[in-house]
Amino acid sequence: AGISLPRTAREQLRAGVPVGRRAIKPGDLVFMHLAHKE
């Protein structure tokens, strides 16, 4: 889509602007801590 993002999830967590759980729209990045990965 012509959007340049950093390569790692940790760096991506600092990209763009924060969005609240109830305000998530299509195309937003969603992050979670799962047992098998940081």
PDB file of all heavy atoms in Angstrom:
ATOM      1  N   ALA A   1       0.830  -1.207   0.000  1.00  0.00           N
ATOM      2  CA  ALA A   1       0.000   0.000   0.000  1.00  0.00           C
ATOM      3  C   ALA A   1       0.866   1.260   0.000  1.00  0.00           C
ATOM      4  O   ALA A   1       0.357   2.360   0.198  1.00  0.00           O
ATOM      5  CB  ALA A   1      -0.912  -0.013   1.219  1.00  0.00           C
ATOM      6  N   GLY A   2       2.180   1.085  -0.188  1.00  0.00           N
ATOM      7  CA  GLY A   2       3.077   2.241  -0.230  1.00  0.00           C
ATOM      8  C   GLY A   2       3.427   2.798   1.136  1.00  0.00           C
ATOM      9  O   GLY A   2       3.876   3.929   1.256  1.00  0.00           O
ATOM     10  N   ILE A   3       3.225   1.998   2.188  1.00  0.00           N
ATOM     11  CA  ILE A   3       3.520   2.443   3.556  1.00  0.00           C
ATOM     12  C   ILE A   3       4.791   1.744   4.018  1.00  0.00           C
ATOM     13  O   ILE A   3       4.874   0.514   3.988  1.00  0.00           O
ATOM     14  CB  ILE A   3       2.363   2.097   4.509  1.00  0.00           C
ATOM     15  CG1 ILE A   3       1.072   2.772   4.049  1.00  0.00           C
ATOM     16  CG2 ILE A   3       2.707   2.479   5.948  1.00  0.00           C
ATOM     17  CD1 ILE A   3      -0.178   2.188   4.692  1.00  0.00           C
ATOM     18  N   SER A   4       5.749   2.516   4.449  1.00  0.00           N
ATOM     19  CA  SER A   4       7.004   1.953   4.935  1.00  0.00           C
ATOM     20  C   SER A   4       6.928   1.800   6.453  1.00  0.00           C
ATOM     21  O   SER A   4       6.627   2.757   7.163  1.00  0.00           O
ATOM     22  CB  SER A   4       8.150   2.899   4.552  1.00  0.00           C
ATOM     23  OG  SER A   4       9.356   2.393   5.059  1.00  0.00           O
ATOM     24  N   LEU A   5       7.185   0.585   6.928  1.00  0.00           N
ATOM     25  CA  LEU A   5       7.150   0.307   8.365  1.00  0.00           C
ATOM     26  C   LEU A   5       8.452  -0.339   8.796  1.00  0.00           C
ATOM     27  O   LEU A   5       9.105  -1.013   8.012  1.00  0.00           O
ATOM     28  CB  LEU A   5       6.017  -0.662   8.692  1.00  0.00           C
ATOM     29  CG  LEU A   5       4.610  -0.113   8.747  1.00  0.00           C
ATOM     30  CD1 LEU A   5       3.626  -1.244   9.024  1.00  0.00           C
ATOM     31  CD2 LEU A   5       4.474   0.951   9.813  1.00  0.00           C
ATOM     32  N   PRO A   6       8.808  -0.174  10.076  1.00  0.00           N
ATOM     33  CA  PRO A   6       9.973  -0.907  10.588  1.00  0.00           C
ATOM     34  C   PRO A   6       9.707  -2.415  10.538  1.00  0.00           C
ATOM     35  O   PRO A   6       8.553  -2.844  10.461  1.00  0.00           O
ATOM     36  CB  PRO A   6      10.115  -0.427  12.027  1.00  0.00           C
ATOM     37  CG  PRO A   6       9.044   0.557  12.280  1.00  0.00           C
ATOM     38  CD  PRO A   6       8.177   0.667  11.072  1.00  0.00           C
ATOM     39  N   ARG A   7      10.757  -3.231  10.623  1.00  0.00           N
ATOM     40  CA  ARG A   7      10.650  -4.670  10.395  1.00  0.00           C
ATOM     41  C   ARG A   7      10.128  -5.469  11.590  1.00  0.00           C
ATOM     42  O   ARG A   7       9.472  -6.480  11.416  1.00  0.00           O
ATOM     43  CB  ARG A   7      12.032  -5.206   9.955  1.00  0.00           C
ATOM     44  CG  ARG A   7      12.099  -6.696   9.730  1.00  0.00           C
ATOM     45  CD  ARG A   7      11.128  -7.143   8.644  1.00  0.00           C
ATOM     46  NE  ARG A   7      11.152  -8.585   8.448  1.00  0.00           N
ATOM     47  CZ  ARG A   7      10.410  -9.454   9.110  1.00  0.00           C
ATOM     48  NH1 ARG A   7       9.586  -9.051  10.051  1.00  0.00           N
ATOM     49  NH2 ARG A   7      10.499 -10.735   8.855  1.00  0.00           N
ATOM     50  N   THR A   8      10.425  -5.043  12.827  1.00  0.00           N
ATOM     51  CA  THR A   8      10.047  -5.879  13.974  1.00  0.00           C
ATOM     52  C   THR A   8       8.756  -5.390  14.633  1.00  0.00           C
ATOM     53  O   THR A   8       8.405  -4.218  14.559  1.00  0.00           O
ATOM     54  CB  THR A   8      11.156  -5.908  15.040  1.00  0.00           C
ATOM     55  OG1 THR A   8      11.242  -4.613  15.646  1.00  0.00           O
ATOM     56  CG2 THR A   8      12.506  -6.295  14.437  1.00  0.00           C
ATOM     57  N   ALA A   9       8.065  -6.326  15.297  1.00  0.00           N
ATOM     58  CA  ALA A   9       6.825  -5.987  16.004  1.00  0.00           C
ATOM     59  C   ALA A   9       7.093  -4.915  17.062  1.00  0.00           C
ATOM     60  O   ALA A   9       6.295  -3.993  17.239  1.00  0.00           O
ATOM     61  CB  ALA A   9       6.222  -7.239  16.641  1.00  0.00           C
ATOM     62  N   ARG A  10       8.231  -5.009  17.751  1.00  0.00           N
ATOM     63  CA  ARG A  10       8.557  -4.024  18.789  1.00  0.00           C
ATOM     64  C   ARG A  10       8.665  -2.625  18.181  1.00  0.00           C
ATOM     65  O   ARG A  10       8.156  -1.653  18.745  1.00  0.00           O
ATOM     66  CB  ARG A  10       9.861  -4.411  19.487  1.00  0.00           C
ATOM     67  CG  ARG A  10      10.268  -3.450  20.587  1.00  0.00           C
ATOM     68  CD  ARG A  10      11.389  -3.991  21.445  1.00  0.00           C
ATOM     69  NE  ARG A  10      11.034  -5.179  22.205  1.00  0.00           N
ATOM     70  CZ  ARG A  10      10.194  -5.187  23.244  1.00  0.00           C
ATOM     71  NH1 ARG A  10       9.626  -4.088  23.634  1.00  0.00           N
ATOM     72  NH2 ARG A  10       9.946  -6.302  23.886  1.00  0.00           N
ATOM     73  N   GLU A  11       9.316  -2.519  17.026  1.00  0.00           N
ATOM     74  CA  GLU A  11       9.438  -1.213  16.356  1.00  0.00           C
ATOM     75  C   GLU A  11       8.080  -0.756  15.807  1.00  0.00           C
ATOM     76  O   GLU A  11       7.760   0.420  15.841  1.00  0.00           O
ATOM     77  CB  GLU A  11      10.449  -1.295  15.211  1.00  0.00           C
ATOM     78  CG  GLU A  11      11.879  -1.511  15.658  1.00  0.00           C
ATOM     79  CD  GLU A  11      12.798  -1.916  14.499  1.00  0.00           C
ATOM     80  OE1 GLU A  11      12.372  -2.694  13.624  1.00  0.00           O
ATOM     81  OE2 GLU A  11      13.933  -1.431  14.487  1.00  0.00           O
ATOM     82  N   GLN A  12       7.288  -1.710  15.301  1.00  0.00           N
ATOM     83  CA  GLN A  12       5.974  -1.372  14.750  1.00  0.00           C
ATOM     84  C   GLN A  12       5.037  -0.839  15.835  1.00  0.00           C
ATOM     85  O   GLN A  12       4.154  -0.034  15.561  1.00  0.00           O
ATOM     86  CB  GLN A  12       5.354  -2.592  14.056  1.00  0.00           C
ATOM     87  CG  GLN A  12       6.083  -2.963  12.783  1.00  0.00           C
ATOM     88  CD  GLN A  12       5.644  -4.306  12.218  1.00  0.00           C
ATOM     89  OE1 GLN A  12       4.744  -4.963  12.720  1.00  0.00           O
ATOM     90  NE2 GLN A  12       6.314  -4.732  11.149  1.00  0.00           N
ATOM     91  N   LEU A  13       5.254  -1.267  17.078  1.00  0.00           N
ATOM     92  CA  LEU A  13       4.436  -0.811  18.200  1.00  0.00           C
ATOM     93  C   LEU A  13       4.620   0.687  18.447  1.00  0.00           C
ATOM     94  O   LEU A  13       3.813   1.310  19.129  1.00  0.00           O
ATOM     95  CB  LEU A  13       4.780  -1.623  19.456  1.00  0.00           C
ATOM     96  CG  LEU A  13       3.926  -1.423  20.707  1.00  0.00           C
ATOM     97  CD1 LEU A  13       2.440  -1.622  20.420  1.00  0.00           C
ATOM     98  CD2 LEU A  13       4.368  -2.361  21.813  1.00  0.00           C
ATOM     99  N   ARG A  14       5.669   1.271  17.858  1.00  0.00           N
ATOM    100  CA  ARG A  14       5.906   2.712  17.997  1.00  0.00           C
ATOM    101  C   ARG A  14       5.503   3.479  16.735  1.00  0.00           C
ATOM    102  O   ARG A  14       5.630   4.701  16.698  1.00  0.00           O
ATOM    103  CB  ARG A  14       7.384   2.972  18.323  1.00  0.00           C
ATOM    104  CG  ARG A  14       7.793   2.440  19.686  1.00  0.00           C
ATOM    105  CD  ARG A  14       9.149   2.939  20.128  1.00  0.00           C
ATOM    106  NE  ARG A  14      10.244   2.466  19.293  1.00  0.00           N
ATOM    107  CZ  ARG A  14      10.968   1.383  19.525  1.00  0.00           C
ATOM    108  NH1 ARG A  14      10.719   0.637  20.571  1.00  0.00           N
ATOM    109  NH2 ARG A  14      11.950   1.039  18.722  1.00  0.00           N
ATOM    110  N   ALA A  15       5.025   2.775  15.704  1.00  0.00           N
ATOM    111  CA  ALA A  15       4.642   3.424  14.442  1.00  0.00           C
ATOM    112  C   ALA A  15       3.230   3.993  14.561  1.00  0.00           C
ATOM    113  O   ALA A  15       2.432   3.540  15.382  1.00  0.00           O
ATOM    114  CB  ALA A  15       4.703   2.418  13.297  1.00  0.00           C
ATOM    115  N   GLY A  16       2.927   4.981  13.744  1.00  0.00           N
ATOM    116  CA  GLY A  16       1.569   5.517  13.697  1.00  0.00           C
ATOM    117  C   GLY A  16       1.144   6.144  15.010  1.00  0.00           C
ATOM    118  O   GLY A  16       1.957   6.678  15.757  1.00  0.00           O
ATOM    119  N   VAL A  17      -0.154   6.080  15.276  1.00  0.00           N
ATOM    120  CA  VAL A  17      -0.704   6.668  16.495  1.00  0.00           C
ATOM    121  C   VAL A  17      -1.486   5.603  17.263  1.00  0.00           C
ATOM    122  O   VAL A  17      -2.068   4.701  16.665  1.00  0.00           O
ATOM    123  CB  VAL A  17      -1.631   7.870  16.180  1.00  0.00           C
ATOM    124  CG1 VAL A  17      -0.840   9.025  15.572  1.00  0.00           C
ATOM    125  CG2 VAL A  17      -2.769   7.468  15.259  1.00  0.00           C
ATOM    126  N   PRO A  18      -1.508   5.695  18.605  1.00  0.00           N
ATOM    127  CA  PRO A  18      -2.224   4.691  19.387  1.00  0.00           C
ATOM    128  C   PRO A  18      -3.732   4.772  19.166  1.00  0.00           C
ATOM    129  O   PRO A  18      -4.279   5.845  18.945  1.00  0.00           O
ATOM    130  CB  PRO A  18      -1.853   5.022  20.835  1.00  0.00           C
ATOM    131  CG  PRO A  18      -1.270   6.379  20.825  1.00  0.00           C
ATOM    132  CD  PRO A  18      -0.854   6.706  19.429  1.00  0.00           C
ATOM    133  N   VAL A  19      -4.381   3.611  19.228  1.00  0.00           N
ATOM    134  CA  VAL A  19      -5.825   3.504  19.056  1.00  0.00           C
ATOM    135  C   VAL A  19      -6.355   2.648  20.200  1.00  0.00           C
ATOM    136  O   VAL A  19      -5.764   1.620  20.520  1.00  0.00           O
ATOM    137  CB  VAL A  19      -6.157   2.803  17.709  1.00  0.00           C
ATOM    138  CG1 VAL A  19      -7.656   2.630  17.538  1.00  0.00           C
ATOM    139  CG2 VAL A  19      -5.578   3.561  16.540  1.00  0.00           C
ATOM    140  N   GLY A  20      -7.463   3.055  20.797  1.00  0.00           N
ATOM    141  CA  GLY A  20      -8.075   2.277  21.867  1.00  0.00           C
ATOM    142  C   GLY A  20      -8.718   1.010  21.326  1.00  0.00           C
ATOM    143  O   GLY A  20      -9.098   0.951  20.151  1.00  0.00           O
ATOM    144  N   ARG A  21      -8.873   0.005  22.173  1.00  0.00           N
ATOM    145  CA  ARG A  21      -9.436  -1.291  21.768  1.00  0.00           C
ATOM    146  C   ARG A  21     -10.798  -1.133  21.097  1.00  0.00           C
ATOM    147  O   ARG A  21     -11.109  -1.804  20.134  1.00  0.00           O
ATOM    148  CB  ARG A  21      -9.530  -2.191  23.019  1.00  0.00           C
ATOM    149  CG  ARG A  21     -10.275  -3.514  22.823  1.00  0.00           C
ATOM    150  CD  ARG A  21      -9.535  -4.449  21.883  1.00  0.00           C
ATOM    151  NE  ARG A  21     -10.286  -5.671  21.620  1.00  0.00           N
ATOM    152  CZ  ARG A  21     -11.148  -5.824  20.604  1.00  0.00           C
ATOM    153  NH1 ARG A  21     -11.392  -4.835  19.783  1.00  0.00           N
ATOM    154  NH2 ARG A  21     -11.763  -6.969  20.426  1.00  0.00           N
ATOM    155  N   ARG A  22     -11.641  -0.230  21.594  1.00  0.00           N
ATOM    156  CA  ARG A  22     -12.981  -0.060  21.032  1.00  0.00           C
ATOM    157  C   ARG A  22     -12.999   0.815  19.786  1.00  0.00           C
ATOM    158  O   ARG A  22     -14.037   0.965  19.147  1.00  0.00           O
ATOM    159  CB  ARG A  22     -13.920   0.520  22.083  1.00  0.00           C
ATOM    160  CG  ARG A  22     -14.260  -0.493  23.156  1.00  0.00           C
ATOM    161  CD  ARG A  22     -15.217   0.091  24.188  1.00  0.00           C
ATOM    162  NE  ARG A  22     -15.580  -0.904  25.183  1.00  0.00           N
ATOM    163  CZ  ARG A  22     -14.818  -1.235  26.219  1.00  0.00           C
ATOM    164  NH1 ARG A  22     -13.642  -0.676  26.380  1.00  0.00           N
ATOM    165  NH2 ARG A  22     -15.220  -2.151  27.088  1.00  0.00           N
ATOM    166  N   ALA A  23     -11.863   1.410  19.437  1.00  0.00           N
ATOM    167  CA  ALA A  23     -11.804   2.313  18.279  1.00  0.00           C
ATOM    168  C   ALA A  23     -11.087   1.689  17.086  1.00  0.00           C
ATOM    169  O   ALA A  23     -10.828   2.359  16.095  1.00  0.00           O
ATOM    170  CB  ALA A  23     -11.102   3.617  18.680  1.00  0.00           C
ATOM    171  N   ILE A  24     -10.758   0.396  17.185  1.00  0.00           N
ATOM    172  CA  ILE A  24     -10.008  -0.274  16.113  1.00  0.00           C
ATOM    173  C   ILE A  24     -10.812  -0.272  14.813  1.00  0.00           C
ATOM    174  O   ILE A  24     -11.999  -0.567  14.800  1.00  0.00           O
ATOM    175  CB  ILE A  24      -9.643  -1.712  16.530  1.00  0.00           C
ATOM    176  CG1 ILE A  24      -8.612  -1.672  17.659  1.00  0.00           C
ATOM    177  CG2 ILE A  24      -9.113  -2.508  15.344  1.00  0.00           C
ATOM    178  CD1 ILE A  24      -8.319  -3.023  18.280  1.00  0.00           C
ATOM    179  N   LYS A  25     -10.111   0.099  13.738  1.00  0.00           N
ATOM    180  CA  LYS A  25     -10.702   0.132  12.394  1.00  0.00           C
ATOM    181  C   LYS A  25      -9.896  -0.794  11.482  1.00  0.00           C
ATOM    182  O   LYS A  25      -8.757  -1.129  11.789  1.00  0.00           O
ATOM    183  CB  LYS A  25     -10.611   1.554  11.821  1.00  0.00           C
ATOM    184  CG  LYS A  25     -11.348   2.601  12.628  1.00  0.00           C
ATOM    185  CD  LYS A  25     -12.717   2.828  12.063  1.00  0.00           C
ATOM    186  CE  LYS A  25     -13.316   4.129  12.516  1.00  0.00           C
ATOM    187  NZ  LYS A  25     -14.170   4.049  13.657  1.00  0.00           N
ATOM    188  N   PRO A  26     -10.469  -1.179  10.339  1.00  0.00           N
ATOM    189  CA  PRO A  26      -9.719  -2.003   9.388  1.00  0.00           C
ATOM    190  C   PRO A  26      -8.383  -1.345   9.025  1.00  0.00           C
ATOM    191  O   PRO A  26      -8.329  -0.133   8.801  1.00  0.00           O
ATOM    192  CB  PRO A  26     -10.643  -2.077   8.174  1.00  0.00           C
ATOM    193  CG  PRO A  26     -12.014  -1.896   8.744  1.00  0.00           C
ATOM    194  CD  PRO A  26     -11.828  -0.909   9.875  1.00  0.00           C
ATOM    195  N   GLY A  27      -7.325  -2.141   9.002  1.00  0.00           N
ATOM    196  CA  GLY A  27      -6.000  -1.632   8.660  1.00  0.00           C
ATOM    197  C   GLY A  27      -5.157  -1.246   9.856  1.00  0.00           C
ATOM    198  O   GLY A  27      -3.960  -1.045   9.720  1.00  0.00           O
ATOM    199  N   ASP A  28      -5.769  -1.140  11.042  1.00  0.00           N
ATOM    200  CA  ASP A  28      -4.973  -0.837  12.238  1.00  0.00           C
ATOM    201  C   ASP A  28      -4.132  -2.066  12.589  1.00  0.00           C
ATOM    202  O   ASP A  28      -4.538  -3.209  12.341  1.00  0.00           O
ATOM    203  CB  ASP A  28      -5.872  -0.498  13.432  1.00  0.00           C
ATOM    204  CG  ASP A  28      -6.550   0.862  13.293  1.00  0.00           C
ATOM    205  OD1 ASP A  28      -6.124   1.665  12.442  1.00  0.00           O
ATOM    206  OD2 ASP A  28      -7.510   1.109  14.053  1.00  0.00           O
ATOM    207  N   LEU A  29      -2.975  -1.816  13.168  1.00  0.00           N
ATOM    208  CA  LEU A  29      -2.138  -2.919  13.650  1.00  0.00           C
ATOM    209  C   LEU A  29      -2.585  -3.262  15.063  1.00  0.00           C
ATOM    210  O   LEU A  29      -2.818  -2.364  15.872  1.00  0.00           O
ATOM    211  CB  LEU A  29      -0.656  -2.519  13.659  1.00  0.00           C
ATOM    212  CG  LEU A  29      -0.078  -2.035  12.332  1.00  0.00           C
ATOM    213  CD1 LEU A  29       1.422  -1.802  12.472  1.00  0.00           C
ATOM    214  CD2 LEU A  29      -0.372  -3.000  11.205  1.00  0.00           C
ATOM    215  N   VAL A  30      -2.717  -4.551  15.356  1.00  0.00           N
ATOM    216  CA  VAL A  30      -3.104  -4.987  16.697  1.00  0.00           C
ATOM    217  C   VAL A  30      -1.960  -5.808  17.291  1.00  0.00           C
ATOM    218  O   VAL A  30      -1.349  -6.620  16.606  1.00  0.00           O
ATOM    219  CB  VAL A  30      -4.430  -5.785  16.683  1.00  0.00           C
ATOM    220  CG1 VAL A  30      -5.586  -4.859  16.354  1.00  0.00           C
ATOM    221  CG2 VAL A  30      -4.395  -6.948  15.710  1.00  0.00           C
ATOM    222  N   PHE A  31      -1.668  -5.539  18.546  1.00  0.00           N
ATOM    223  CA  PHE A  31      -0.521  -6.153  19.211  1.00  0.00           C
ATOM    224  C   PHE A  31      -0.975  -6.939  20.428  1.00  0.00           C
ATOM    225  O   PHE A  31      -1.888  -6.534  21.133  1.00  0.00           O
ATOM    226  CB  PHE A  31       0.467  -5.072  19.665  1.00  0.00           C
ATOM    227  CG  PHE A  31       1.072  -4.312  18.528  1.00  0.00           C
ATOM    228  CD1 PHE A  31       0.438  -3.184  18.010  1.00  0.00           C
ATOM    229  CD2 PHE A  31       2.274  -4.717  17.956  1.00  0.00           C
ATOM    230  CE1 PHE A  31       0.992  -2.483  16.950  1.00  0.00           C
ATOM    231  CE2 PHE A  31       2.830  -4.023  16.896  1.00  0.00           C
ATOM    232  CZ  PHE A  31       2.191  -2.906  16.398  1.00  0.00           C
ATOM    233  N   MET A  32      -0.295  -8.055  20.666  1.00  0.00           N
ATOM    234  CA  MET A  32      -0.592  -8.868  21.837  1.00  0.00           C
ATOM    235  C   MET A  32       0.671  -9.558  22.320  1.00  0.00           C
ATOM    236  O   MET A  32       1.612  -9.753  21.562  1.00  0.00           O
ATOM    237  CB  MET A  32      -1.702  -9.868  21.533  1.00  0.00           C
ATOM    238  CG  MET A  32      -1.471 -10.703  20.305  1.00  0.00           C
ATOM    239  SD  MET A  32      -2.947 -10.982  19.313  1.00  0.00           S
ATOM    240  CE  MET A  32      -3.145  -9.480  18.423  1.00  0.00           C
ATOM    241  N   HIS A  33       0.664  -9.882  23.612  1.00  0.00           N
ATOM    242  CA  HIS A  33       1.741 -10.697  24.196  1.00  0.00           C
ATOM    243  C   HIS A  33       1.214 -12.114  24.279  1.00  0.00           C
ATOM    244  O   HIS A  33       0.249 -12.368  24.992  1.00  0.00           O
ATOM    245  CB  HIS A  33       2.102 -10.196  25.598  1.00  0.00           C
ATOM    246  CG  HIS A  33       3.016  -9.020  25.582  1.00  0.00           C
ATOM    247  ND1 HIS A  33       4.331  -9.101  25.167  1.00  0.00           N
ATOM    248  CD2 HIS A  33       2.812  -7.731  25.914  1.00  0.00           C
ATOM    249  CE1 HIS A  33       4.883  -7.905  25.250  1.00  0.00           C
ATOM    250  NE2 HIS A  33       3.981  -7.056  25.690  1.00  0.00           N
ATOM    251  N   LEU A  34       1.818 -13.023  23.538  1.00  0.00           N
ATOM    252  CA  LEU A  34       1.402 -14.420  23.569  1.00  0.00           C
ATOM    253  C   LEU A  34       2.454 -15.239  24.300  1.00  0.00           C
ATOM    254  O   LEU A  34       3.624 -14.865  24.334  1.00  0.00           O
ATOM    255  CB  LEU A  34       1.217 -14.952  22.139  1.00  0.00           C
ATOM    256  CG  LEU A  34       0.157 -14.229  21.299  1.00  0.00           C
ATOM    257  CD1 LEU A  34       0.121 -14.790  19.887  1.00  0.00           C
ATOM    258  CD2 LEU A  34      -1.214 -14.347  21.947  1.00  0.00           C
ATOM    259  N   ALA A  35       2.041 -16.368  24.845  1.00  0.00           N
ATOM    260  CA  ALA A  35       2.938 -17.201  25.649  1.00  0.00           C
ATOM    261  C   ALA A  35       4.194 -17.603  24.887  1.00  0.00           C
ATOM    262  O   ALA A  35       5.283 -17.614  25.437  1.00  0.00           O
ATOM    263  CB  ALA A  35       2.192 -18.438  26.128  1.00  0.00           C
ATOM    264  N   HIS A  36       4.054 -17.915  23.588  1.00  0.00           N
ATOM    265  CA  HIS A  36       5.189 -18.450  22.844  1.00  0.00           C
ATOM    266  C   HIS A  36       6.052 -17.383  22.171  1.00  0.00           C
ATOM    267  O   HIS A  36       7.041 -17.708  21.552  1.00  0.00           O
ATOM    268  CB  HIS A  36       4.704 -19.474  21.808  1.00  0.00           C
ATOM    269  CG  HIS A  36       3.752 -18.892  20.800  1.00  0.00           C
ATOM    270  ND1 HIS A  36       2.412 -18.725  21.064  1.00  0.00           N
ATOM    271  CD2 HIS A  36       3.950 -18.432  19.552  1.00  0.00           C
ATOM    272  CE1 HIS A  36       1.830 -18.188  20.005  1.00  0.00           C
ATOM    273  NE2 HIS A  36       2.739 -18.000  19.077  1.00  0.00           N
ATOM    274  N   LYS A  37       5.659 -16.121  22.252  1.00  0.00           N
ATOM    275  CA  LYS A  37       6.513 -15.072  21.684  1.00  0.00           C
ATOM    276  C   LYS A  37       6.362 -13.799  22.494  1.00  0.00           C
ATOM    277  O   LYS A  37       5.353 -13.581  23.134  1.00  0.00           O
ATOM    278  CB  LYS A  37       6.260 -14.819  20.197  1.00  0.00           C
ATOM    279  CG  LYS A  37       4.813 -14.753  19.757  1.00  0.00           C
ATOM    280  CD  LYS A  37       4.692 -14.323  18.309  1.00  0.00           C
ATOM    281  CE  LYS A  37       5.055 -15.427  17.356  1.00  0.00           C
ATOM    282  NZ  LYS A  37       4.959 -15.040  15.965  1.00  0.00           N
ATOM    283  N   GLU A  38       7.398 -12.987  22.442  1.00  0.00           N
ATOM    284  CA  GLU A  38       7.406 -11.781  23.252  1.00  0.00           C
ATOM    285  C   GLU A  38       6.298 -10.814  22.844  1.00  0.00           C
ATOM    286  O   GLU A  38       5.506 -10.371  23.654  1.00  0.00           O
ATOM    287  CB  GLU A  38       8.770 -11.107  23.112  1.00  0.00           C
ATOM    288  CG  GLU A  38       9.009 -10.039  24.137  1.00  0.00           C
ATOM    289  CD  GLU A  38      10.430  -9.513  24.047  1.00  0.00           C
ATOM    290  OE1 GLU A  38      11.363 -10.312  23.893  1.00  0.00           O
ATOM    291  OE2 GLU A  38      10.584  -8.290  24.118  1.00  0.00           O
TER     292      GLU A  38
END
